[in-house]
Amino acid sequence: MSEAATNNGDDEIVTVNFKVTRSFLDEIEDTWQGRGFNSRSEFIRYTLRDAIEHPTFDRDELLALLQAEEDVREQRTMSAEEARERFGTDGTDE
């Protein structure tokens, strides 16, 4: 499915062991099988490679996103129109 599942001969293959809870392992099992991977190892390699090649959020960005979501739920936000009126801008770049 990905380069993570193959070895082109340039790198030595090594074994990595790590511990997870039984419930998390059950979720991993359901996920790799449900997404059509050939094995749990293939799924984990693919997932790790994807996380390295396509990082999404760092911790600070995630915390800011969560705070923004809380602000929306608590109605501590305003529309763009309200902000333009409050701060006296017309919405065009100067």
C-alpha atoms as a PDB file:
ATOM      1  CA  MET A   1       0.000   0.000   0.000  1.00  0.00           C
ATOM      2  CA  SER A   2       2.878   2.389   0.626  1.00  0.00           C
ATOM      3  CA  GLU A   3       6.628   2.670   0.576  1.00  0.00           C
ATOM      4  CA  ALA A   4       6.468   1.833   4.271  1.00  0.00           C
ATOM      5  CA  ALA A   5       5.373  -1.685   3.374  1.00  0.00           C
ATOM      6  CA  THR A   6       8.351  -2.359   1.127  1.00  0.00           C
ATOM      7  CA  ASN A   7      12.112  -2.329   1.404  1.00  0.00           C
ATOM      8  CA  ASN A   8      14.117  -1.345  -1.647  1.00  0.00           C
ATOM      9  CA  GLY A   9      17.295  -2.943  -0.269  1.00  0.00           C
ATOM     10  CA  ASP A  10      18.904   0.327   0.835  1.00  0.00           C
ATOM     11  CA  ASP A  11      17.914   0.038   4.492  1.00  0.00           C
ATOM     12  CA  GLU A  12      18.316  -2.663   7.082  1.00  0.00           C
ATOM     13  CA  ILE A  13      14.990  -3.946   8.434  1.00  0.00           C
ATOM     14  CA  VAL A  14      14.831  -3.806  12.228  1.00  0.00           C
ATOM     15  CA  THR A  15      12.191  -4.960  14.679  1.00  0.00           C
ATOM     16  CA  VAL A  16      10.601  -2.448  17.035  1.00  0.00           C
ATOM     17  CA  ASN A  17       8.548  -3.508  20.050  1.00  0.00           C
ATOM     18  CA  PHE A  18       6.139  -1.286  21.956  1.00  0.00           C
ATOM     19  CA  LYS A  19       3.363  -1.739  24.464  1.00  0.00           C
ATOM     20  CA  VAL A  20      -0.296  -0.780  24.094  1.00  0.00           C
ATOM     21  CA  THR A  21      -3.401  -1.534  26.098  1.00  0.00           C
ATOM     22  CA  ARG A  22      -5.546  -4.485  25.054  1.00  0.00           C
ATOM     23  CA  SER A  23      -8.434  -2.152  24.150  1.00  0.00           C
ATOM     24  CA  PHE A  24      -6.161  -0.040  21.917  1.00  0.00           C
ATOM     25  CA  LEU A  25      -4.819  -3.186  20.243  1.00  0.00           C
ATOM     26  CA  ASP A  26      -8.410  -4.262  19.584  1.00  0.00           C
ATOM     27  CA  GLU A  27      -9.038  -0.913  17.875  1.00  0.00           C
ATOM     28  CA  ILE A  28      -5.882  -1.329  15.795  1.00  0.00           C
ATOM     29  CA  GLU A  29      -6.992  -4.826  14.767  1.00  0.00           C
ATOM     30  CA  ASP A  30     -10.424  -3.607  13.685  1.00  0.00           C
ATOM     31  CA  THR A  31      -8.911  -0.675  11.807  1.00  0.00           C
ATOM     32  CA  TRP A  32      -6.236  -2.435   9.749  1.00  0.00           C
ATOM     33  CA  GLN A  33      -8.562  -5.224   8.747  1.00  0.00           C
ATOM     34  CA  GLY A  34     -11.376  -2.808   7.919  1.00  0.00           C
ATOM     35  CA  ARG A  35      -9.112  -0.692   5.717  1.00  0.00           C
ATOM     36  CA  GLY A  36      -7.772  -3.544   3.650  1.00  0.00           C
ATOM     37  CA  PHE A  37      -4.189  -3.785   4.900  1.00  0.00           C
ATOM     38  CA  ASN A  38      -2.486  -7.173   4.635  1.00  0.00           C
ATOM     39  CA  SER A  39      -1.219  -7.135   8.214  1.00  0.00           C
ATOM     40  CA  ARG A  40      -1.119  -5.167  11.434  1.00  0.00           C
ATOM     41  CA  SER A  41       2.577  -4.393  10.806  1.00  0.00           C
ATOM     42  CA  GLU A  42       1.838  -2.998   7.349  1.00  0.00           C
ATOM     43  CA  PHE A  43      -0.857  -0.754   8.827  1.00  0.00           C
ATOM     44  CA  ILE A  44       1.443   0.504  11.603  1.00  0.00           C
ATOM     45  CA  ARG A  45       4.299   1.214   9.149  1.00  0.00           C
ATOM     46  CA  TYR A  46       1.911   3.057   6.838  1.00  0.00           C
ATOM     47  CA  THR A  47       0.450   5.088   9.719  1.00  0.00           C
ATOM     48  CA  LEU A  48       3.862   6.063  11.082  1.00  0.00           C
ATOM     49  CA  ARG A  49       5.173   7.001   7.641  1.00  0.00           C
ATOM     50  CA  ASP A  50       2.066   9.105   7.024  1.00  0.00           C
ATOM     51  CA  ALA A  51       2.523  10.868  10.380  1.00  0.00           C
ATOM     52  CA  ILE A  52       6.118  11.732   9.483  1.00  0.00           C
ATOM     53  CA  GLU A  53       5.481  12.792   5.884  1.00  0.00           C
ATOM     54  CA  HIS A  54       2.243  14.680   6.558  1.00  0.00           C
ATOM     55  CA  PRO A  55       2.256  16.133  10.065  1.00  0.00           C
ATOM     56  CA  THR A  56      -0.959  17.972  10.779  1.00  0.00           C
ATOM     57  CA  PHE A  57      -0.943  19.809  14.068  1.00  0.00           C
ATOM     58  CA  ASP A  58       1.645  20.406  16.693  1.00  0.00           C
ATOM     59  CA  ARG A  59       0.525  20.547  20.314  1.00  0.00           C
ATOM     60  CA  ASP A  60       0.160  24.362  20.402  1.00  0.00           C
ATOM     61  CA  GLU A  61      -1.957  24.383  17.240  1.00  0.00           C
ATOM     62  CA  LEU A  62      -4.178  21.646  18.612  1.00  0.00           C
ATOM     63  CA  LEU A  63      -4.650  23.516  21.899  1.00  0.00           C
ATOM     64  CA  ALA A  64      -5.540  26.717  20.002  1.00  0.00           C
ATOM     65  CA  LEU A  65      -8.038  24.786  17.892  1.00  0.00           C
ATOM     66  CA  LEU A  66      -9.627  23.285  21.002  1.00  0.00           C
ATOM     67  CA  GLN A  67      -9.832  26.735  22.618  1.00  0.00           C
ATOM     68  CA  ALA A  68     -11.469  28.150  19.508  1.00  0.00           C
ATOM     69  CA  GLU A  69     -14.018  25.332  19.536  1.00  0.00           C
ATOM     70  CA  GLU A  70     -14.794  26.066  23.182  1.00  0.00           C
ATOM     71  CA  ASP A  71     -15.171  29.782  22.366  1.00  0.00           C
ATOM     72  CA  VAL A  72     -17.688  28.941  19.654  1.00  0.00           C
ATOM     73  CA  ARG A  73     -19.669  26.672  21.994  1.00  0.00           C
ATOM     74  CA  GLU A  74     -19.672  29.321  24.719  1.00  0.00           C
ATOM     75  CA  GLN A  75     -20.678  32.004  22.190  1.00  0.00           C
ATOM     76  CA  ARG A  76     -17.520  34.040  22.854  1.00  0.00           C
ATOM     77  CA  THR A  77     -17.018  34.704  19.150  1.00  0.00           C
ATOM     78  CA  MET A  78     -18.437  37.141  16.626  1.00  0.00           C
ATOM     79  CA  SER A  79     -19.111  37.054  12.917  1.00  0.00           C
ATOM     80  CA  ALA A  80     -16.802  38.754  10.438  1.00  0.00           C
ATOM     81  CA  GLU A  81     -19.467  41.413   9.902  1.00  0.00           C
ATOM     82  CA  GLU A  82     -19.685  42.070  13.652  1.00  0.00           C
ATOM     83  CA  ALA A  83     -15.882  42.361  13.835  1.00  0.00           C
ATOM     84  CA  ARG A  84     -15.824  44.842  10.915  1.00  0.00           C
ATOM     85  CA  GLU A  85     -18.463  46.984  12.606  1.00  0.00           C
ATOM     86  CA  ARG A  86     -16.777  46.792  16.017  1.00  0.00           C
ATOM     87  CA  PHE A  87     -13.291  47.612  14.733  1.00  0.00           C
ATOM     88  CA  GLY A  88     -14.346  50.014  12.006  1.00  0.00           C
ATOM     89  CA  THR A  89     -13.035  48.213   8.945  1.00  0.00           C
ATOM     90  CA  ASP A  90     -14.773  47.718   5.638  1.00  0.00           C
ATOM     91  CA  GLY A  91     -13.293  44.290   4.873  1.00  0.00           C
ATOM     92  CA  THR A  92     -11.002  45.425   2.026  1.00  0.00           C
ATOM     93  CA  ASP A  93      -7.203  45.377   2.107  1.00  0.00           C
ATOM     94  CA  GLU A  94      -5.541  48.766   2.146  1.00  0.00           C
END
